[in-house]
Amino acid sequence: MNFELNLSIEELEKRTNKDYLIRKQMLTEDSEEYKNLNIQDKKALSHLVKAANYANIIYMKQDNELNIPFLDYLKEEIKKGNKQAELTKILFDAQLGIIGIDSESKKVVLLKNAQEKDGKAFYPADMNKQEFHNILKKMLKNGEKEEVSKILNQRTIVKRDGNKLKAADYTEEFKEEFTNIAKEIEEAAKISTNKEFNEYLKLQAEALRQNNPMLDAKADKKWAQLQDTPLEFTISREQYADLLTGSVLEDEELKQLLEENNITAISKDSIGIRVGIVNKKGTQDLLKIKNFLPLMAENMPLKDQYEQNISSGNDNLQTMVDVDIVSLRGDEGSYRGGITIAQNLPNNDKLSLTIGGGRRNVYHRQIRTNNSQDAVERRKKRLNATLNKDLHKYYNPEADHWFTIGHENVHSLGPKSGTEALGKYKNIIEENKADMGSLALLDCLTEKGAYTDEEKKQILVTFGANCFLKAKPELAQAHRVRTVMQAFYFIKEGAISVNNDGIIDINLEKMIPAAKKMLTEIIEVQLSQNFDRGEKFINNYFNWTEEIERVSKKLKEIDKSLNGMIVTPLADKLSDESFTVSTDKI
């Protein structure tokens, strides 16, 4: 297959320059975290890293049907000494695909004339939204309810079948990759030192080999119970990439047919894998907040109108760990405008939550902790250029971590079900809820001793200062869209202001009331289970105003970075068959 590279040598040299391409380094071979591992866990870690590498293949297949052929082409061109191909591959490996997005929300297209589809490669590349809707309507009218249900399921790849569509379960579509992952994690389960962790790995391996959602549920339930383990291994299944499945709610006739047939459209899962070493001290610090979860549940708005994922009593089903990252692969490691610093899983659509399973928060230490001289200088430049100098004393990078802890826990609060009815807006609204809950609950948490008054101010100022982007994002970027919505809302409520010079000021007295007000509105939207109301909510607040643009202009002036990439030196060593695991800790 012939390909034509899209970016010029000049553009590639700029985007791969250290000032424009941010590198986030995970654990190294000489890190204390790895050195202190038991030899058995080191060997198990090697198998888990190898298992994770298969996630890249799955993710690329889900993302774009040309990803793997294009990658093969780049490798061949590099062998021929093609400098343009060599630089293109750096960006391809960073964003894990032909098409990504940078920090200024611009598409980074590596293959000439390549186009991104709402359905990624979960659906036929030559099928548009209107045809998709029409086919589903015909199939439903023809009585093909079961197949349509599979097509709109989160764990299938959809292909053409004549004039119809047919769905294949992930265990069938990615059988080779899933089998290889299962083999590696079974090997890890034979030697890892933690019994509970090994039981989880065995359940996960079994789930990868069979088209049986209940096996996934059992593995998820066990994973969510893990607390005191030396190693971390997660197969994540997130739904931010697929915008086509949720679009079925835009067609009134199709929406009615789905309701009549009792079919819920659930966006497709993108597969990612995280491998790490659990940080005991960081985890102990996190667990302090667990005692406050019942308090948080009791202080959520409209709490009597819905069931929450965790109870308001002492039996809340929530575990949490701080993890030193060894490897992020697939959806976890694709750097497209940013990279996640923590996760709360399983999501509400997962079956494990219906069989008594809980939720688990995992925090990524290497993503959030960057105190290099370069990072410190960048933060200083940003503050000097954009934040009222009187507030600098309250800005604290660690406060962003405290805020994130609140964010991830609030994912476990609020309405437990029904949000699928919000379609393509579900994720934006849910991320908004988590952010606003983290701020709205600060007063009650401070009153009960979770934070000092000074720390509360640090969280509010750090959040407000970070509530601005370099460019207006696309609707597909749920995390970034919600940031714009929040900046607009807080400005509207008088909690944040921006002067003509692009300097942000924050009214500390108005921040939490504004957050409570927005949180209540968000939960009302979720409870409505109404697509149109969700769309109206997004349209009302996703506004790129003059104030936001003034800050954006400043940010572009002081920050050249456009792309980013994950660097995994220890994982790369462990993936190398010639590398021998050291025995310095037995």
Protein backbone atom coordinates (compact mmCIF):
# COMPACT_ATOMS: atom_id res chain seq x y z
CA MET A 1 0.00 0.00 0.00
CA ASN A 2 1.36 3.42 -0.97
CA PHE A 3 1.17 6.30 1.48
CA GLU A 4 2.06 9.98 1.24
CA LEU A 5 3.36 11.67 4.36
CA ASN A 6 1.43 14.80 5.27
CA LEU A 7 3.76 16.93 7.41
CA SER A 8 6.81 18.62 5.94
CA ILE A 9 10.31 18.09 7.30
CA GLU A 10 10.20 21.62 8.75
CA GLU A 11 6.92 21.00 10.57
CA LEU A 12 8.10 17.62 11.84
CA GLU A 13 11.39 19.02 13.11
CA LYS A 14 9.47 21.69 15.02
CA ARG A 15 6.91 19.32 16.53
CA THR A 16 9.56 16.79 17.61
CA ASN A 17 11.83 19.46 19.11
CA LYS A 18 12.10 19.23 22.92
CA ASP A 19 10.42 22.64 23.33
CA TYR A 20 7.35 21.47 21.39
CA LEU A 21 7.22 17.77 22.31
CA ILE A 22 6.80 17.23 26.07
CA ARG A 23 8.24 13.95 27.32
CA LYS A 24 6.76 12.37 30.44
CA GLN A 25 9.07 9.71 31.83
CA MET A 26 7.79 6.69 33.73
CA LEU A 27 9.84 4.46 36.07
CA THR A 28 13.45 3.62 35.21
CA GLU A 29 15.39 0.44 35.84
CA ASP A 30 17.38 2.07 38.63
CA SER A 31 14.35 3.51 40.45
CA GLU A 32 14.02 2.63 44.13
CA GLU A 33 10.44 1.50 43.55
CA TYR A 34 11.62 -1.22 41.17
CA LYS A 35 14.77 -2.10 43.13
CA ASN A 36 12.71 -2.72 46.27
CA LEU A 37 10.37 -5.20 44.59
CA ASN A 38 10.53 -8.87 45.52
CA ILE A 39 12.26 -10.90 42.77
CA GLN A 40 9.02 -12.82 42.09
CA ASP A 41 7.11 -9.59 41.59
CA LYS A 42 9.86 -8.32 39.29
CA LYS A 43 9.42 -11.39 37.11
CA ALA A 44 5.65 -11.01 37.22
CA LEU A 45 6.04 -7.36 36.24
CA SER A 46 7.94 -8.42 33.14
CA HIS A 47 5.00 -10.55 32.00
CA LEU A 48 2.53 -7.75 32.73
CA VAL A 49 4.57 -5.28 30.67
CA LYS A 50 4.61 -7.70 27.74
CA ALA A 51 0.86 -8.15 28.09
CA ALA A 52 0.38 -4.38 28.00
CA ASN A 53 2.18 -4.03 24.69
CA TYR A 54 -0.63 -5.87 22.91
CA ALA A 55 -2.99 -3.07 23.91
CA ASN A 56 -1.23 -0.79 21.41
CA ILE A 57 -2.21 -3.12 18.58
CA ILE A 58 -5.83 -3.31 19.74
CA TYR A 59 -6.11 0.44 20.21
CA MET A 60 -4.64 1.20 16.79
CA LYS A 61 -7.10 -1.22 15.18
CA GLN A 62 -9.99 0.44 17.01
CA ASP A 63 -8.82 3.95 16.13
CA ASN A 64 -8.23 3.85 12.38
CA GLU A 65 -8.14 0.95 9.91
CA LEU A 66 -5.02 2.43 8.29
CA ASN A 67 -2.97 2.77 11.49
CA ILE A 68 -1.14 -0.54 11.35
CA PRO A 69 -0.48 -0.55 7.57
CA PHE A 70 0.80 3.01 7.89
CA LEU A 71 3.07 2.05 10.79
CA ASP A 72 4.50 -0.83 8.74
CA TYR A 73 5.11 1.61 5.88
CA LEU A 74 6.97 4.01 8.18
CA LYS A 75 9.22 1.22 9.44
CA GLU A 76 10.13 0.21 5.90
CA GLU A 77 10.83 3.81 4.90
CA ILE A 78 13.02 4.34 7.95
CA LYS A 79 15.12 1.35 6.89
CA LYS A 80 15.68 3.17 3.59
CA GLY A 81 16.95 6.24 5.45
CA ASN A 82 13.78 8.34 5.02
CA LYS A 83 14.20 11.19 7.54
CA GLN A 84 10.63 12.40 7.05
CA ALA A 85 9.33 8.92 7.94
CA GLU A 86 11.60 8.76 11.00
CA LEU A 87 10.25 12.03 12.40
CA THR A 88 6.68 11.08 11.46
CA LYS A 89 7.02 7.86 13.46
CA ILE A 90 7.99 9.82 16.58
CA LEU A 91 4.64 11.63 16.45
CA PHE A 92 2.81 8.46 15.44
CA ASP A 93 4.19 6.63 18.48
CA ALA A 94 3.30 9.56 20.71
CA GLN A 95 -0.35 9.87 19.66
CA LEU A 96 -0.64 6.19 18.68
CA GLY A 97 -2.24 6.82 15.34
CA ILE A 98 -2.40 8.63 12.04
CA ILE A 99 -4.64 11.37 13.43
CA GLY A 100 -4.28 13.01 16.82
CA ILE A 101 -4.80 16.40 18.34
CA ASP A 102 -2.32 18.81 19.92
CA SER A 103 -2.50 21.09 22.94
CA GLU A 104 -3.91 23.89 20.78
CA SER A 105 -6.74 21.58 19.61
CA LYS A 106 -5.36 21.34 16.09
CA LYS A 107 -5.50 18.04 14.24
CA VAL A 108 -2.12 16.39 13.75
CA VAL A 109 -2.66 14.40 10.54
CA LEU A 110 0.35 12.30 9.56
CA LEU A 111 -1.08 10.74 6.37
CA LYS A 112 -2.12 12.99 3.51
CA ASN A 113 -5.90 13.09 2.93
CA ALA A 114 -6.61 10.94 6.00
CA GLN A 115 -9.93 11.70 7.67
CA GLU A 116 -11.17 11.02 11.16
CA LYS A 117 -14.59 9.44 11.60
CA ASP A 118 -17.02 9.83 14.50
CA GLY A 119 -17.12 6.05 14.76
CA LYS A 120 -13.33 5.65 14.51
CA ALA A 121 -12.69 2.08 13.31
CA PHE A 122 -15.44 0.64 15.49
CA TYR A 123 -17.65 1.09 12.42
CA PRO A 124 -17.14 0.87 8.62
CA ALA A 125 -14.97 3.76 7.45
CA ASP A 126 -17.21 4.51 4.46
CA MET A 127 -20.41 4.84 6.51
CA ASN A 128 -21.69 8.27 7.56
CA LYS A 129 -24.06 9.06 10.41
CA GLN A 130 -27.19 9.28 8.27
CA GLU A 131 -26.58 5.88 6.64
CA PHE A 132 -25.89 4.40 10.05
CA HIS A 133 -29.20 5.62 11.39
CA ASN A 134 -31.11 4.45 8.32
CA ILE A 135 -29.65 0.94 8.46
CA LEU A 136 -30.53 0.56 12.13
CA LYS A 137 -34.09 1.72 11.52
CA LYS A 138 -34.55 -0.79 8.71
CA MET A 139 -33.10 -3.60 10.82
CA LEU A 140 -35.37 -2.80 13.75
CA LYS A 141 -38.44 -2.61 11.53
CA ASN A 142 -37.37 -5.98 10.15
CA GLY A 143 -37.37 -7.47 13.64
CA GLU A 144 -33.58 -7.73 14.02
CA LYS A 145 -33.59 -6.46 17.58
CA GLU A 146 -30.89 -8.81 18.86
CA GLU A 147 -28.35 -7.81 16.21
CA VAL A 148 -29.01 -4.08 16.66
CA SER A 149 -28.49 -4.55 20.39
CA LYS A 150 -25.09 -6.09 19.65
CA ILE A 151 -24.23 -3.29 17.22
CA LEU A 152 -24.91 -0.68 19.91
CA ASN A 153 -23.03 -2.63 22.60
CA GLN A 154 -19.83 -1.24 24.10
CA ARG A 155 -17.71 -4.32 23.33
CA THR A 156 -18.23 -4.91 19.59
CA ILE A 157 -16.68 -4.01 16.26
CA VAL A 158 -19.28 -3.38 13.54
CA LYS A 159 -18.88 -4.35 9.88
CA ARG A 160 -21.03 -4.36 6.78
CA ASP A 161 -23.12 -7.43 6.00
CA GLY A 162 -24.62 -6.69 2.59
CA ASN A 163 -27.14 -3.89 3.16
CA LYS A 164 -27.06 -4.49 6.90
CA LEU A 165 -24.55 -4.34 9.71
CA LYS A 166 -23.12 -7.13 11.83
CA ALA A 167 -21.32 -6.95 15.17
CA ALA A 168 -18.36 -9.02 16.37
CA ASP A 169 -17.46 -9.20 20.05
CA TYR A 170 -14.01 -7.97 21.05
CA THR A 171 -13.02 -11.50 22.10
CA GLU A 172 -13.59 -12.55 18.48
CA GLU A 173 -12.24 -9.46 16.70
CA PHE A 174 -9.09 -9.24 18.81
CA LYS A 175 -8.73 -12.94 19.59
CA GLU A 176 -4.98 -13.10 18.90
CA GLU A 177 -4.17 -10.04 21.02
CA PHE A 178 -6.54 -11.00 23.85
CA THR A 179 -5.12 -14.54 23.90
CA ASN A 180 -1.56 -13.23 24.13
CA ILE A 181 -2.51 -10.87 26.96
CA ALA A 182 -4.22 -13.75 28.77
CA LYS A 183 -1.12 -15.96 28.45
CA GLU A 184 1.19 -13.30 29.86
CA ILE A 185 -0.99 -12.39 32.83
CA GLU A 186 -1.50 -16.07 33.65
CA GLU A 187 2.28 -16.42 33.80
CA ALA A 188 2.40 -13.40 36.09
CA ALA A 189 -0.27 -14.98 38.32
CA LYS A 190 1.94 -18.03 38.83
CA ILE A 191 4.76 -16.03 40.43
CA SER A 192 3.38 -12.77 41.84
CA THR A 193 3.49 -12.70 45.65
CA ASN A 194 -0.04 -11.43 46.29
CA LYS A 195 -2.84 -13.98 46.36
CA GLU A 196 -5.69 -11.51 45.77
CA PHE A 197 -3.88 -9.94 42.82
CA ASN A 198 -3.23 -13.37 41.32
CA GLU A 199 -6.89 -14.32 41.62
CA TYR A 200 -7.80 -11.16 39.76
CA LEU A 201 -5.29 -11.90 36.98
CA LYS A 202 -6.74 -15.38 36.51
CA LEU A 203 -10.28 -14.00 36.30
CA GLN A 204 -9.14 -11.36 33.82
CA ALA A 205 -7.39 -13.95 31.64
CA GLU A 206 -10.52 -16.07 31.55
CA ALA A 207 -12.64 -13.06 30.57
CA LEU A 208 -10.34 -12.23 27.66
CA ARG A 209 -10.81 -15.69 26.15
CA GLN A 210 -14.62 -15.87 26.14
CA ASN A 211 -17.52 -13.83 24.80
CA ASN A 212 -19.16 -13.64 28.19
CA PRO A 213 -19.76 -10.20 29.79
CA MET A 214 -20.32 -11.85 33.18
CA LEU A 215 -16.69 -12.97 33.19
CA ASP A 216 -15.67 -9.35 32.65
CA ALA A 217 -17.94 -8.40 35.53
CA LYS A 218 -16.31 -10.90 37.89
CA ALA A 219 -12.84 -9.68 36.95
CA ASP A 220 -13.88 -6.04 37.37
CA LYS A 221 -15.45 -6.78 40.74
CA LYS A 222 -12.28 -8.45 41.98
CA TRP A 223 -10.07 -5.65 40.59
CA ALA A 224 -12.16 -3.02 42.39
CA GLN A 225 -11.53 -4.82 45.70
CA LEU A 226 -7.73 -4.76 45.39
CA GLN A 227 -6.12 -2.50 47.96
CA ASP A 228 -2.92 -3.90 49.45
CA THR A 229 -1.02 -5.28 46.45
CA PRO A 230 2.57 -4.63 45.35
CA LEU A 231 1.70 -4.44 41.64
CA GLU A 232 -0.98 -2.72 39.58
CA PHE A 233 -2.45 -4.07 36.34
CA THR A 234 -5.54 -2.59 34.75
CA ILE A 235 -7.31 -3.23 31.47
CA SER A 236 -9.21 0.03 31.09
CA ARG A 237 -12.30 0.39 28.92
CA GLU A 238 -13.16 4.05 28.39
CA GLN A 239 -15.66 5.55 25.92
CA TYR A 240 -14.44 9.01 24.95
CA ALA A 241 -13.39 8.18 21.36
CA ASP A 242 -16.66 6.86 19.90
CA LEU A 243 -19.06 9.66 18.98
CA LEU A 244 -21.17 7.68 16.50
CA THR A 245 -22.98 5.28 18.82
CA GLY A 246 -24.45 8.07 20.95
CA SER A 247 -25.63 9.90 17.84
CA VAL A 248 -28.58 7.48 17.51
CA LEU A 249 -30.44 9.68 20.00
CA GLU A 250 -30.35 12.59 17.52
CA ASP A 251 -32.76 10.77 15.18
CA GLU A 252 -36.23 10.92 16.74
CA GLU A 253 -37.63 7.96 14.80
CA LEU A 254 -34.63 5.79 15.63
CA LYS A 255 -34.69 6.91 19.25
CA GLN A 256 -38.34 5.82 19.53
CA LEU A 257 -37.64 2.47 17.89
CA LEU A 258 -34.80 1.82 20.33
CA GLU A 259 -37.04 2.67 23.28
CA GLU A 260 -39.77 0.37 21.97
CA ASN A 261 -37.26 -2.46 21.69
CA ASN A 262 -35.70 -1.67 25.08
CA ILE A 263 -32.23 -1.12 23.58
CA THR A 264 -29.73 1.22 25.24
CA ALA A 265 -26.96 2.53 23.01
CA ILE A 266 -23.60 2.38 24.81
CA SER A 267 -20.52 3.90 23.21
CA LYS A 268 -17.62 1.59 22.34
CA ASP A 269 -14.84 0.81 24.78
CA SER A 270 -11.32 1.82 23.77
CA ILE A 271 -8.83 -0.64 25.24
CA GLY A 272 -5.89 0.48 27.33
CA ILE A 273 -3.56 -1.16 29.84
CA ARG A 274 -1.78 0.31 32.85
CA VAL A 275 1.10 -1.45 34.64
CA GLY A 276 2.70 -0.09 37.77
CA ILE A 277 4.06 -0.52 41.27
CA VAL A 278 1.77 0.52 44.10
CA ASN A 279 3.26 3.34 46.17
CA LYS A 280 2.47 2.54 49.80
CA LYS A 281 2.99 6.00 51.26
CA GLY A 282 1.00 7.72 48.53
CA THR A 283 -1.76 5.16 48.96
CA GLN A 284 -1.88 5.67 52.73
CA ASP A 285 -2.32 9.40 52.14
CA LEU A 286 -5.16 8.70 49.70
CA LEU A 287 -6.96 6.38 52.08
CA LYS A 288 -7.36 9.18 54.61
CA ILE A 289 -10.09 10.61 52.38
CA LYS A 290 -12.01 7.31 52.36
CA ASN A 291 -13.37 8.06 55.82
CA PHE A 292 -14.99 11.18 54.39
CA LEU A 293 -16.84 9.43 51.52
CA PRO A 294 -20.08 8.98 53.50
CA LEU A 295 -19.95 12.69 54.35
CA MET A 296 -19.44 13.53 50.68
CA ALA A 297 -22.35 11.30 49.66
CA GLU A 298 -24.62 12.98 52.22
CA ASN A 299 -23.74 16.45 50.91
CA MET A 300 -24.37 15.78 47.23
CA PRO A 301 -27.24 17.85 45.76
CA LEU A 302 -30.62 16.14 45.28
CA LYS A 303 -29.25 13.00 46.94
CA ASP A 304 -32.73 11.67 47.74
CA GLN A 305 -33.60 11.47 44.05
CA TYR A 306 -31.08 8.81 43.00
CA GLU A 307 -29.05 5.80 44.08
CA GLN A 308 -25.30 6.38 44.31
CA ASN A 309 -22.51 3.98 43.38
CA ILE A 310 -21.35 3.95 46.98
CA SER A 311 -23.58 4.00 50.02
CA SER A 312 -23.60 6.82 52.53
CA GLY A 313 -22.76 4.35 55.31
CA ASN A 314 -19.53 2.72 56.36
CA ASP A 315 -19.67 -0.06 53.76
CA ASN A 316 -18.79 2.11 50.77
CA LEU A 317 -17.41 0.06 47.91
CA GLN A 318 -14.42 2.23 47.05
CA THR A 319 -10.73 1.38 46.99
CA MET A 320 -7.88 3.69 45.94
CA VAL A 321 -4.18 3.37 45.19
CA ASP A 322 -1.33 5.65 44.23
CA VAL A 323 0.79 4.02 41.54
CA ASP A 324 4.28 4.52 40.18
CA ILE A 325 3.78 3.93 36.48
CA VAL A 326 5.87 1.42 34.54
CA SER A 327 3.81 1.25 31.37
CA LEU A 328 0.78 2.92 29.78
CA ARG A 329 -0.34 1.33 26.53
CA GLY A 330 -3.25 1.60 24.14
CA ASP A 331 -5.87 4.15 25.15
CA GLU A 332 -3.94 4.77 28.38
CA GLY A 333 -0.77 5.82 26.59
CA SER A 334 -2.02 7.71 23.53
CA TYR A 335 -0.97 11.31 24.06
CA ARG A 336 -3.60 13.41 22.29
CA GLY A 337 -3.64 16.90 23.72
CA GLY A 338 -3.01 15.47 27.17
CA ILE A 339 -2.76 12.33 29.28
CA THR A 340 -4.88 11.21 32.21
CA ILE A 341 -3.53 11.63 35.75
CA ALA A 342 -6.06 9.37 37.50
CA GLN A 343 -9.04 7.11 36.82
CA ASN A 344 -12.16 5.95 38.60
CA LEU A 345 -13.34 2.61 37.17
CA PRO A 346 -15.40 0.61 36.28
CA ASN A 347 -17.75 3.06 34.59
CA ASN A 348 -21.50 3.02 35.18
CA ASP A 349 -22.26 0.94 32.09
CA LYS A 350 -20.21 -2.02 33.34
CA LEU A 351 -22.00 -5.14 34.54
CA SER A 352 -19.88 -5.53 37.67
CA LEU A 353 -21.72 -2.65 39.34
CA THR A 354 -24.95 -4.65 39.09
CA ILE A 355 -23.52 -7.70 40.88
CA GLY A 356 -22.29 -5.90 43.97
CA GLY A 357 -18.98 -4.63 42.60
CA GLY A 358 -17.46 -1.33 43.65
CA ARG A 359 -15.23 1.35 42.17
CA ARG A 360 -11.48 1.82 42.33
CA ASN A 361 -9.40 4.98 41.96
CA VAL A 362 -5.89 4.71 40.54
CA TYR A 363 -3.60 7.77 40.56
CA HIS A 364 -0.63 8.14 38.20
CA ARG A 365 2.33 9.53 40.13
CA GLN A 366 4.68 10.05 37.17
CA ILE A 367 2.07 12.01 35.23
CA ARG A 368 1.32 14.47 38.00
CA THR A 369 4.71 14.87 39.70
CA ASN A 370 7.07 16.94 37.62
CA ASN A 371 9.31 19.16 39.70
CA SER A 372 12.13 19.43 37.21
CA GLN A 373 13.71 22.84 36.87
CA ASP A 374 12.13 23.20 33.44
CA ALA A 375 8.64 22.40 34.78
CA VAL A 376 9.06 24.81 37.70
CA GLU A 377 10.14 27.59 35.32
CA ARG A 378 7.15 26.94 33.05
CA ARG A 379 4.76 27.19 36.00
CA LYS A 380 6.41 30.40 37.16
CA LYS A 381 6.07 31.95 33.70
CA ARG A 382 2.41 30.98 33.53
CA LEU A 383 1.62 32.47 36.92
CA ASN A 384 3.48 35.72 36.22
CA ALA A 385 1.71 36.11 32.89
CA THR A 386 -1.84 35.14 33.87
CA LEU A 387 -2.58 35.25 37.62
CA ASN A 388 -3.08 38.20 39.99
CA LYS A 389 0.18 38.43 41.96
CA ASP A 390 -1.72 38.64 45.25
CA LEU A 391 -2.92 35.06 44.64
CA HIS A 392 0.47 33.52 43.82
CA LYS A 393 0.94 32.54 47.47
CA TYR A 394 -2.04 30.20 47.19
CA TYR A 395 -0.99 28.44 43.98
CA ASN A 396 0.29 24.96 44.84
CA PRO A 397 0.83 22.15 42.28
CA GLU A 398 0.08 19.61 45.02
CA ALA A 399 -3.34 21.20 45.43
CA ASP A 400 -4.15 20.03 41.92
CA HIS A 401 -3.63 16.46 43.19
CA TRP A 402 -5.95 17.13 46.14
CA PHE A 403 -8.54 18.46 43.70
CA THR A 404 -8.13 15.36 41.52
CA ILE A 405 -8.72 13.11 44.53
CA GLY A 406 -12.04 14.87 45.02
CA HIS A 407 -12.80 14.63 41.31
CA GLU A 408 -12.24 10.87 41.15
CA ASN A 409 -14.28 10.19 44.27
CA VAL A 410 -17.19 12.28 43.02
CA HIS A 411 -17.34 9.99 39.98
CA SER A 412 -18.63 7.44 42.49
CA LEU A 413 -21.30 9.85 43.70
CA GLY A 414 -24.35 11.27 41.96
CA PRO A 415 -26.82 9.33 39.76
CA LYS A 416 -25.76 5.71 39.32
CA SER A 417 -27.67 4.97 36.12
CA GLY A 418 -29.57 6.50 33.22
CA THR A 419 -26.86 8.82 31.94
CA GLU A 420 -26.55 6.85 28.66
CA ALA A 421 -29.67 8.76 27.60
CA LEU A 422 -27.47 11.86 27.27
CA GLY A 423 -25.74 10.25 24.29
CA LYS A 424 -22.58 11.94 23.03
CA TYR A 425 -22.81 14.54 25.81
CA LYS A 426 -22.70 11.97 28.63
CA ASN A 427 -18.95 12.12 29.20
CA ILE A 428 -18.69 15.91 29.12
CA ILE A 429 -21.47 16.22 31.69
CA GLU A 430 -20.02 13.48 33.91
CA GLU A 431 -16.56 15.08 33.92
CA ASN A 432 -18.20 18.40 34.76
CA LYS A 433 -19.99 16.74 37.67
CA ALA A 434 -16.76 15.31 39.07
CA ASP A 435 -14.99 18.69 38.92
CA MET A 436 -17.80 20.68 40.46
CA GLY A 437 -18.35 18.08 43.16
CA SER A 438 -14.69 18.29 44.12
CA LEU A 439 -15.07 22.05 44.69
CA ALA A 440 -18.62 22.06 46.05
CA LEU A 441 -17.74 19.67 48.88
CA LEU A 442 -14.68 21.60 50.06
CA ASP A 443 -16.49 23.47 52.84
CA CYS A 444 -17.86 20.38 54.54
CA LEU A 445 -14.54 18.54 54.13
CA THR A 446 -12.61 21.47 55.59
CA GLU A 447 -15.05 21.71 58.49
CA LYS A 448 -14.44 18.03 59.28
CA GLY A 449 -10.65 18.32 59.04
CA ALA A 450 -9.89 16.81 55.66
CA TYR A 451 -8.26 20.09 54.62
CA THR A 452 -7.09 23.20 56.42
CA ASP A 453 -8.55 26.56 55.45
CA GLU A 454 -5.24 27.39 53.78
CA GLU A 455 -5.34 24.17 51.73
CA LYS A 456 -8.91 24.95 50.70
CA LYS A 457 -7.77 28.31 49.35
CA GLN A 458 -4.90 26.61 47.54
CA ILE A 459 -7.28 24.18 45.83
CA LEU A 460 -9.60 27.00 44.75
CA VAL A 461 -6.83 29.24 43.40
CA THR A 462 -4.95 26.41 41.68
CA PHE A 463 -8.18 25.24 40.03
CA GLY A 464 -9.11 28.77 38.93
CA ALA A 465 -5.64 29.50 37.54
CA ASN A 466 -5.68 26.23 35.58
CA CYS A 467 -9.20 26.74 34.27
CA PHE A 468 -8.02 28.14 30.94
CA LEU A 469 -6.74 26.49 27.76
CA LYS A 470 -4.50 27.50 24.89
CA ALA A 471 -7.28 26.98 22.34
CA LYS A 472 -10.95 26.11 22.04
CA PRO A 473 -11.29 22.30 21.98
CA GLU A 474 -13.46 20.10 19.81
CA LEU A 475 -16.63 18.58 21.23
CA ALA A 476 -14.92 15.16 21.23
CA GLN A 477 -12.47 16.36 23.90
CA ALA A 478 -14.74 15.85 26.90
CA HIS A 479 -12.19 16.86 29.53
CA ARG A 480 -11.25 20.07 27.72
CA VAL A 481 -14.79 21.04 26.76
CA ARG A 482 -15.79 20.90 30.41
CA THR A 483 -12.87 23.19 31.29
CA VAL A 484 -14.16 25.87 28.90
CA MET A 485 -17.67 25.47 30.29
CA GLN A 486 -16.39 25.95 33.81
CA ALA A 487 -14.32 29.03 32.93
CA PHE A 488 -17.41 30.56 31.32
CA TYR A 489 -19.65 29.63 34.26
CA PHE A 490 -17.34 30.97 36.96
CA ILE A 491 -16.87 34.22 35.04
CA LYS A 492 -20.65 34.50 34.67
CA GLU A 493 -21.10 33.97 38.40
CA GLY A 494 -18.45 36.58 39.28
CA ALA A 495 -16.17 34.00 40.92
CA ILE A 496 -13.45 34.51 38.29
CA SER A 497 -12.64 37.63 36.30
CA VAL A 498 -10.09 38.47 33.60
CA ASN A 499 -8.87 42.02 33.03
CA ASN A 500 -7.92 43.58 29.70
CA ASP A 501 -4.33 42.40 30.12
CA GLY A 502 -5.39 38.76 30.44
CA ILE A 503 -4.76 38.57 34.21
CA ILE A 504 -7.01 36.19 36.15
CA ASP A 505 -8.49 37.23 39.49
CA ILE A 506 -10.37 34.84 41.77
CA ASN A 507 -13.06 35.73 44.30
CA LEU A 508 -12.55 33.04 46.93
CA GLU A 509 -15.92 33.73 48.57
CA LYS A 510 -17.84 33.04 45.36
CA MET A 511 -16.00 29.93 44.08
CA ILE A 512 -17.71 27.25 46.16
CA PRO A 513 -21.26 28.71 45.83
CA ALA A 514 -20.75 28.83 42.05
CA ALA A 515 -19.55 25.22 42.04
CA LYS A 516 -22.57 24.10 44.11
CA LYS A 517 -24.92 25.88 41.73
CA MET A 518 -23.37 24.29 38.64
CA LEU A 519 -23.24 20.86 40.30
CA THR A 520 -26.95 21.00 41.09
CA GLU A 521 -27.74 21.91 37.49
CA ILE A 522 -25.55 19.06 36.23
CA ILE A 523 -27.29 16.48 38.40
CA GLU A 524 -30.68 17.79 37.30
CA VAL A 525 -29.58 17.21 33.69
CA GLN A 526 -28.39 13.69 34.50
CA LEU A 527 -31.62 12.88 36.31
CA SER A 528 -33.67 14.14 33.37
CA GLN A 529 -32.24 11.36 31.17
CA ASN A 530 -33.07 13.69 28.29
CA PHE A 531 -30.72 14.10 25.31
CA ASP A 532 -32.12 17.51 24.32
CA ARG A 533 -31.67 18.87 27.81
CA GLY A 534 -28.08 17.63 27.86
CA GLU A 535 -27.42 19.31 24.52
CA LYS A 536 -28.92 22.57 25.76
CA PHE A 537 -26.74 22.45 28.87
CA ILE A 538 -23.60 22.04 26.75
CA ASN A 539 -24.61 24.79 24.31
CA ASN A 540 -25.40 27.20 27.14
CA TYR A 541 -21.95 27.04 28.69
CA PHE A 542 -19.51 25.90 26.01
CA ASN A 543 -18.69 29.47 25.06
CA TRP A 544 -15.24 30.76 24.12
CA THR A 545 -15.52 34.36 25.31
CA GLU A 546 -13.25 37.39 24.92
CA GLU A 547 -11.99 36.92 28.49
CA ILE A 548 -11.05 33.30 27.80
CA GLU A 549 -9.37 34.28 24.55
CA ARG A 550 -7.25 36.89 26.33
CA VAL A 551 -5.82 34.25 28.65
CA SER A 552 -5.42 31.81 25.76
CA LYS A 553 -3.31 34.33 23.86
CA LYS A 554 -1.03 34.73 26.90
CA LEU A 555 -0.66 30.96 27.29
CA LYS A 556 0.39 30.53 23.67
CA GLU A 557 3.01 33.24 24.09
CA ILE A 558 4.70 31.57 27.06
CA ASP A 559 4.21 27.88 26.24
CA LYS A 560 5.46 26.49 22.91
CA SER A 561 4.55 22.85 23.63
CA LEU A 562 2.19 21.25 21.13
CA ASN A 563 2.52 17.50 21.53
CA GLY A 564 3.53 15.04 24.22
CA MET A 565 4.71 11.48 24.61
CA ILE A 566 5.12 8.79 27.25
CA VAL A 567 8.67 7.50 27.81
CA THR A 568 8.86 4.07 29.48
CA PRO A 569 12.51 3.06 30.05
CA LEU A 570 11.84 0.26 32.57
CA ALA A 571 8.99 -1.18 30.49
CA ASP A 572 11.21 -1.14 27.41
CA LYS A 573 13.88 -3.07 29.30
CA LEU A 574 11.40 -5.61 30.63
CA SER A 575 9.99 -6.13 27.12
CA ASP A 576 13.44 -7.06 25.86
CA GLU A 577 13.86 -10.85 26.00
CA SER A 578 17.62 -10.42 26.50
CA PHE A 579 17.10 -8.39 29.67
CA THR A 580 17.62 -10.36 32.87
CA VAL A 581 15.64 -9.38 35.94
CA SER A 582 18.03 -8.53 38.77
CA THR A 583 17.88 -10.47 42.01
CA ASP A 584 18.89 -7.74 44.43
CA LYS A 585 15.63 -8.10 46.39
CA ILE A 586 14.64 -11.66 47.27
